């Protein structure tokens, strides 16, 4: 009897020791497209690895904002998460080449194709920085929303616009457009639009609705400034503890669920634009001449960031894919 109990204890203990928990933290809440996708992903990872790999996801920013999550990953408290914008650039500046303003405009298909072509280069750099990329999320086109009407690029000059503090790419864009940058924490944007501290902000349509900015602004500039992306990253140290055959299964599943989330996100983005219109937001179109002016702004931004934030190699590949 003792031998049977000991054997059972040994088997259970061995299984528990073999299990690898991967702690991920994300800003997206449960119930959203990304949140639901991650939940299904975690469930299937547990199934295909026989419980040997467990993804523990902390939703809704309970572990802090993205810089907090990155810091916790680097000290081992967390193991990864979905990173976007400036925080993604803090890990790998080259990936922000996808977000250089006035590259894709409304051409979502071209943006997706370019991201797929450049992904292996980006992934190599992530690896060198100590991360494994499980997939790129396509957040979509970024639009400027404003409390006052602007009819062309020139009229944007002097507009007080919210910005992420310390973001080289956004800073370069706003400087080139001659906007007045007002650094604020994200939760302060809504009240600042109401009080006039800022006149404008920028985000994809889904985020504009989620953050309720549509209740404070009157106009949306129907002239996308950039194509925004995110990445699901895991610390290479933790990834290396996972069996190679389990790694392959996880990569297969991540590709499947990230694609599903991206396809759904494109649909929801279009629906969000229609909801913004129905809520009374006026969509303002810029003249064709502004496309030429925007190309000049884009060149200025590239010159400011080249080899300081984004490598020449990646910029050359980007230009090759977007000609």
Protein backbone atom coordinates (compact mmCIF):
# COMPACT_ATOMS: atom_id res chain seq x y z
CA UNK A 1 0.00 0.00 0.00
CA UNK A 2 2.81 2.40 0.95
CA UNK A 3 4.55 1.67 -2.35
CA UNK A 4 1.37 2.48 -4.32
CA UNK A 5 0.84 5.76 -2.49
CA UNK A 6 4.49 6.71 -2.93
CA UNK A 7 4.35 5.88 -6.66
CA UNK A 8 1.20 7.98 -7.13
CA UNK A 9 2.80 10.87 -5.24
CA UNK A 10 5.94 10.55 -7.37
CA UNK A 11 3.96 10.63 -10.62
CA UNK A 12 1.92 13.68 -9.56
CA UNK A 13 5.01 15.51 -8.30
CA UNK A 14 6.88 14.82 -11.52
CA UNK A 15 3.96 16.17 -13.57
CA UNK A 16 3.77 19.34 -11.46
CA UNK A 17 7.48 19.93 -11.74
CA UNK A 18 7.34 19.49 -15.51
CA UNK A 19 4.49 22.00 -15.91
CA UNK A 20 5.69 25.41 -17.09
CA UNK A 21 3.50 28.38 -16.24
CA UNK A 22 3.86 31.38 -18.54
CA UNK A 23 2.53 34.61 -17.02
CA UNK A 24 1.29 37.11 -19.60
CA UNK A 25 -0.12 40.58 -18.88
CA UNK A 26 -2.19 42.60 -21.33
CA UNK A 27 -4.10 45.88 -21.31
CA UNK A 28 -7.03 44.42 -23.26
CA UNK A 29 -10.04 43.45 -21.13
CA UNK A 30 -11.67 40.04 -21.14
CA UNK A 31 -14.56 39.87 -23.56
CA UNK A 32 -12.82 41.83 -26.32
CA UNK A 33 -11.66 40.24 -29.57
CA UNK A 34 -8.07 40.06 -28.34
CA UNK A 35 -9.15 38.91 -24.88
CA UNK A 36 -11.34 36.12 -26.23
CA UNK A 37 -8.61 35.05 -28.63
CA UNK A 38 -6.06 34.82 -25.82
CA UNK A 39 -8.44 32.83 -23.66
CA UNK A 40 -9.03 30.25 -26.42
CA UNK A 41 -5.30 30.18 -27.16
CA UNK A 42 -4.46 29.46 -23.51
CA UNK A 43 -7.06 26.70 -23.34
CA UNK A 44 -5.72 24.95 -26.44
CA UNK A 45 -2.10 25.30 -25.32
CA UNK A 46 -3.02 23.49 -22.11
CA UNK A 47 -4.74 20.76 -24.14
CA UNK A 48 -2.04 20.12 -26.78
CA UNK A 49 0.77 20.10 -24.21
CA UNK A 50 -1.08 17.75 -21.86
CA UNK A 51 -1.08 20.43 -19.17
CA UNK A 52 2.70 20.81 -19.28
CA UNK A 53 2.46 24.44 -20.42
CA UNK A 54 -0.03 26.76 -18.76
CA UNK A 55 -0.66 30.31 -19.96
CA UNK A 56 -1.80 32.54 -17.12
CA UNK A 57 -3.16 35.77 -18.61
CA UNK A 58 -3.71 38.93 -16.55
CA UNK A 59 -6.25 41.07 -18.41
CA UNK A 60 -7.30 44.70 -18.33
CA UNK A 61 -4.07 46.25 -17.13
CA UNK A 62 -4.22 44.72 -13.65
CA UNK A 63 -0.43 44.30 -13.80
CA UNK A 64 0.10 47.94 -14.84
CA UNK A 65 0.50 49.65 -18.17
CA UNK A 66 2.87 48.38 -20.85
CA UNK A 67 6.09 49.94 -19.45
CA UNK A 68 5.26 48.36 -16.07
CA UNK A 69 4.72 44.97 -17.68
CA UNK A 70 7.99 45.22 -19.60
CA UNK A 71 9.87 46.09 -16.43
CA UNK A 72 8.30 43.13 -14.62
CA UNK A 73 9.21 40.81 -17.49
CA UNK A 74 12.81 41.94 -17.34
CA UNK A 75 13.05 41.16 -13.61
CA UNK A 76 11.19 37.86 -13.96
CA UNK A 77 7.89 38.70 -12.23
CA UNK A 78 6.07 38.26 -15.54
CA UNK A 79 7.04 36.41 -18.68
CA UNK A 80 5.47 38.39 -21.49
CA UNK A 81 2.45 40.18 -22.90
CA UNK A 82 1.08 42.17 -25.80
CA UNK A 83 3.14 45.29 -26.44
CA UNK A 84 2.35 48.22 -28.72
CA UNK A 85 3.67 51.62 -29.77
CA UNK A 86 6.44 53.15 -27.71
CA UNK A 87 6.88 50.12 -25.43
CA UNK A 88 7.24 47.83 -28.42
CA UNK A 89 9.82 50.26 -29.78
CA UNK A 90 11.67 50.22 -26.45
CA UNK A 91 12.29 46.53 -27.13
CA UNK A 92 12.84 46.74 -30.87
CA UNK A 93 12.90 50.14 -32.57
CA UNK A 94 12.97 48.58 -36.04
CA UNK A 95 9.41 47.31 -35.71
CA UNK A 96 8.17 50.90 -35.54
CA UNK A 97 9.03 51.21 -39.23
CA UNK A 98 5.52 49.84 -39.80
CA UNK A 99 4.12 52.87 -38.00
CA UNK A 100 5.99 55.58 -39.90
CA UNK A 101 3.26 58.11 -40.77
CA UNK A 102 1.68 58.38 -44.20
CA UNK A 103 3.03 55.06 -45.46
CA UNK A 104 -0.14 53.06 -46.06
CA UNK A 105 -3.02 55.56 -45.69
CA UNK A 106 -6.20 53.44 -46.05
CA UNK A 107 -4.52 50.49 -47.76
CA UNK A 108 -4.93 47.86 -45.03
CA UNK A 109 -4.11 45.02 -47.45
CA UNK A 110 -0.75 46.56 -48.37
CA UNK A 111 0.08 47.14 -44.71
CA UNK A 112 -0.68 43.50 -43.87
CA UNK A 113 1.41 42.23 -46.77
CA UNK A 114 4.34 44.44 -45.80
CA UNK A 115 4.18 43.33 -42.18
CA UNK A 116 4.25 39.67 -43.26
CA UNK A 117 7.28 40.31 -45.48
CA UNK A 118 9.25 42.14 -42.78
CA UNK A 119 8.18 39.92 -39.86
CA UNK A 120 11.19 37.54 -40.09
CA UNK A 121 13.58 40.53 -39.81
CA UNK A 122 11.66 41.91 -36.84
CA UNK A 123 11.55 38.49 -35.16
CA UNK A 124 15.32 38.09 -35.46
CA UNK A 125 15.80 41.38 -33.65
CA UNK A 126 13.30 40.40 -30.95
CA UNK A 127 15.30 37.19 -30.47
CA UNK A 128 18.51 39.18 -30.10
CA UNK A 129 16.75 41.33 -27.49
CA UNK A 130 15.67 38.28 -25.47
CA UNK A 131 12.10 37.79 -26.70
CA UNK A 132 10.19 35.33 -28.85
CA UNK A 133 7.39 36.83 -30.94
CA UNK A 134 4.26 34.67 -31.06
CA UNK A 135 2.53 36.96 -33.52
CA UNK A 136 1.79 40.48 -34.72
CA UNK A 137 -1.60 42.02 -34.02
CA UNK A 138 -2.86 44.46 -36.63
CA UNK A 139 -4.46 47.24 -34.59
CA UNK A 140 -5.25 49.17 -37.75
CA UNK A 141 -5.21 52.70 -39.11
CA UNK A 142 -4.79 55.57 -36.69
CA UNK A 143 -7.01 58.64 -37.06
CA UNK A 144 -6.87 62.12 -35.55
CA UNK A 145 -10.04 63.27 -33.78
CA UNK A 146 -10.55 66.91 -32.86
CA UNK A 147 -12.84 69.34 -31.06
CA UNK A 148 -12.40 71.85 -33.88
CA UNK A 149 -12.59 71.40 -37.62
CA UNK A 150 -9.40 71.18 -39.67
CA UNK A 151 -9.76 70.85 -43.43
CA UNK A 152 -6.18 70.22 -44.53
CA UNK A 153 -2.71 69.44 -43.22
CA UNK A 154 -1.77 73.10 -42.98
CA UNK A 155 -4.68 73.80 -40.62
CA UNK A 156 -3.30 71.21 -38.22
CA UNK A 157 -0.42 73.55 -37.38
CA UNK A 158 -0.76 74.85 -33.85
CA UNK A 159 -3.41 72.33 -32.83
CA UNK A 160 -2.80 71.10 -29.29
CA UNK A 161 -2.68 67.32 -29.52
CA UNK A 162 -2.17 64.61 -26.93
CA UNK A 163 0.99 62.56 -27.25
CA UNK A 164 2.70 59.65 -25.55
CA UNK A 165 5.61 61.14 -23.65
CA UNK A 166 9.01 59.97 -24.82
CA UNK A 167 7.86 58.34 -28.07
CA UNK A 168 10.50 59.21 -30.71
CA UNK A 169 8.29 58.31 -33.66
CA UNK A 170 5.22 60.26 -32.55
CA UNK A 171 7.39 63.15 -31.43
CA UNK A 172 9.04 63.33 -34.84
CA UNK A 173 5.69 63.24 -36.61
CA UNK A 174 4.10 65.95 -34.48
CA UNK A 175 7.18 68.12 -34.82
CA UNK A 176 7.18 67.72 -38.61
CA UNK A 177 3.46 68.55 -38.76
CA UNK A 178 4.07 71.55 -36.45
CA UNK A 179 1.42 70.46 -33.97
CA UNK A 180 1.67 71.41 -30.31
CA UNK A 181 2.46 68.23 -28.41
CA UNK A 182 0.82 67.89 -24.97
CA UNK A 183 2.11 64.81 -23.11
CA UNK A 184 -0.59 63.24 -20.95
CA UNK A 185 -1.35 59.91 -19.32
CA UNK A 186 -3.93 58.02 -21.37
CA UNK A 187 -6.68 58.25 -18.69
CA UNK A 188 -6.33 62.07 -18.72
CA UNK A 189 -7.07 62.49 -22.43
CA UNK A 190 -10.87 62.40 -22.09
CA UNK A 191 -11.08 65.17 -19.49
CA UNK A 192 -8.41 67.20 -21.30
CA UNK A 193 -10.47 67.17 -24.49
CA UNK A 194 -13.41 68.43 -22.46
CA UNK A 195 -11.53 71.28 -20.75
CA UNK A 196 -9.56 72.41 -23.80
CA UNK A 197 -6.14 71.42 -22.49
CA UNK A 198 -5.91 69.62 -25.82
CA UNK A 199 -7.89 70.02 -29.06
CA UNK A 200 -7.06 66.65 -30.58
CA UNK A 201 -5.92 63.06 -30.00
CA UNK A 202 -5.21 60.04 -32.17
CA UNK A 203 -6.17 56.37 -32.06
CA UNK A 204 -7.75 53.59 -34.12
CA UNK A 205 -11.59 53.77 -34.33
CA UNK A 206 -12.15 50.94 -31.83
CA UNK A 207 -9.99 52.69 -29.25
CA UNK A 208 -11.73 56.03 -29.84
CA UNK A 209 -15.02 54.38 -28.93
CA UNK A 210 -13.63 52.32 -26.07
CA UNK A 211 -12.01 55.39 -24.50
CA UNK A 212 -15.20 57.42 -25.08
CA UNK A 213 -13.35 60.20 -26.88
CA UNK A 214 -16.26 60.33 -29.32
CA UNK A 215 -18.29 62.02 -26.55
CA UNK A 216 -15.87 64.98 -26.45
CA UNK A 217 -14.81 65.47 -30.09
CA UNK A 218 -16.76 66.61 -33.13
CA UNK A 219 -14.50 65.69 -36.04
CA UNK A 220 -12.48 62.79 -37.36
CA UNK A 221 -9.80 63.49 -39.97
CA UNK A 222 -10.47 60.81 -42.58
CA UNK A 223 -6.81 60.76 -43.54
CA UNK A 224 -5.10 57.97 -41.58
CA UNK A 225 -1.76 59.02 -40.12
CA UNK A 226 -0.33 55.56 -39.48
CA UNK A 227 -0.85 51.80 -39.31
CA UNK A 228 -0.58 50.55 -35.73
CA UNK A 229 0.56 47.09 -34.64
CA UNK A 230 1.19 45.07 -31.50
CA UNK A 231 3.15 41.90 -30.73
CA UNK A 232 2.63 38.99 -28.34
CA UNK A 233 6.07 38.53 -26.81
CA UNK A 234 7.45 35.94 -24.39
CA UNK A 235 10.77 36.11 -22.59
CA UNK A 236 13.31 33.88 -24.31
CA UNK A 237 14.45 32.60 -20.89
CA UNK A 238 11.00 31.15 -20.18
CA UNK A 239 10.49 30.01 -23.77
CA UNK A 240 13.71 28.02 -23.55
CA UNK A 241 12.27 25.99 -20.66
CA UNK A 242 9.46 24.69 -22.86
CA UNK A 243 10.03 21.41 -24.70
CA UNK A 244 10.86 21.90 -28.42
CA UNK A 245 7.86 19.84 -29.57
CA UNK A 246 5.58 21.94 -27.33
CA UNK A 247 7.16 25.12 -28.73
CA UNK A 248 6.15 24.06 -32.25
CA UNK A 249 2.59 23.34 -31.14
CA UNK A 250 2.35 26.72 -29.40
CA UNK A 251 3.69 28.57 -32.44
CA UNK A 252 1.14 26.80 -34.67
CA UNK A 253 -1.70 27.76 -32.33
CA UNK A 254 -0.52 31.35 -31.90
CA UNK A 255 -0.45 31.82 -35.68
CA UNK A 256 -4.01 30.49 -35.89
CA UNK A 257 -5.46 32.64 -33.13
CA UNK A 258 -3.59 35.84 -34.00
CA UNK A 259 -4.88 35.57 -37.58
CA UNK A 260 -8.43 35.06 -36.32
CA UNK A 261 -8.10 38.11 -34.07
CA UNK A 262 -6.68 40.22 -36.90
CA UNK A 263 -9.47 39.24 -39.29
CA UNK A 264 -12.07 40.07 -36.65
CA UNK A 265 -10.32 43.34 -35.79
CA UNK A 266 -10.54 44.54 -39.40
CA UNK A 267 -14.30 43.91 -39.40
CA UNK A 268 -14.76 45.62 -36.04
CA UNK A 269 -12.71 48.63 -37.13
CA UNK A 270 -15.06 49.26 -40.06
CA UNK A 271 -18.07 48.85 -37.77
CA UNK A 272 -16.50 51.29 -35.30
CA UNK A 273 -16.14 53.92 -38.02
CA UNK A 274 -19.84 53.59 -38.81
CA UNK A 275 -20.70 53.91 -35.11
CA UNK A 276 -18.60 57.07 -34.89
CA UNK A 277 -20.55 58.56 -37.79
CA UNK A 278 -23.85 57.58 -36.19
CA UNK A 279 -22.78 59.22 -32.93
CA UNK A 280 -22.53 62.55 -34.76
CA UNK A 281 -18.82 62.70 -35.54
CA UNK A 282 -18.19 64.53 -38.81
CA UNK A 283 -15.62 62.84 -41.07
CA UNK A 284 -13.41 65.44 -42.72
CA UNK A 285 -11.62 64.59 -45.97
CA UNK A 286 -8.34 66.30 -46.88
CA UNK A 287 -7.62 67.48 -50.44
CA UNK A 288 -5.58 65.34 -52.84
CA UNK A 289 -2.75 67.89 -52.70
CA UNK A 290 -2.16 66.95 -49.07
CA UNK A 291 -0.97 63.49 -50.09
CA UNK A 292 2.10 65.12 -51.61
CA UNK A 293 2.59 67.25 -48.50
CA UNK A 294 2.21 64.15 -46.33
CA UNK A 295 4.97 62.43 -48.30
CA UNK A 296 7.26 65.31 -47.36
CA UNK A 297 6.35 64.91 -43.68
CA UNK A 298 7.07 61.20 -43.95
CA UNK A 299 10.53 61.90 -45.37
CA UNK A 300 11.28 64.29 -42.52
CA UNK A 301 10.28 61.68 -39.93
CA UNK A 302 12.47 59.03 -41.58
CA UNK A 303 15.46 61.38 -41.65
CA UNK A 304 15.03 62.11 -37.95
CA UNK A 305 14.78 58.44 -36.96
CA UNK A 306 17.19 56.79 -39.40
CA UNK A 307 19.93 54.86 -37.54
CA UNK A 308 18.90 56.57 -34.30
CA UNK A 309 15.74 54.58 -33.69
CA UNK A 310 15.12 52.55 -36.85
CA UNK A 311 17.97 50.90 -38.76
CA UNK A 312 18.82 51.80 -42.36
CA UNK A 313 18.45 48.13 -43.29
CA UNK A 314 14.82 47.98 -42.22
CA UNK A 315 14.03 51.34 -43.81
CA UNK A 316 15.45 50.08 -47.11
CA UNK A 317 13.32 46.93 -46.90
CA UNK A 318 10.26 49.02 -46.08
CA UNK A 319 10.80 51.25 -49.09
CA UNK A 320 11.27 48.22 -51.32
CA UNK A 321 7.97 46.71 -50.19
CA UNK A 322 5.98 49.96 -50.39
CA UNK A 323 7.11 51.33 -53.75
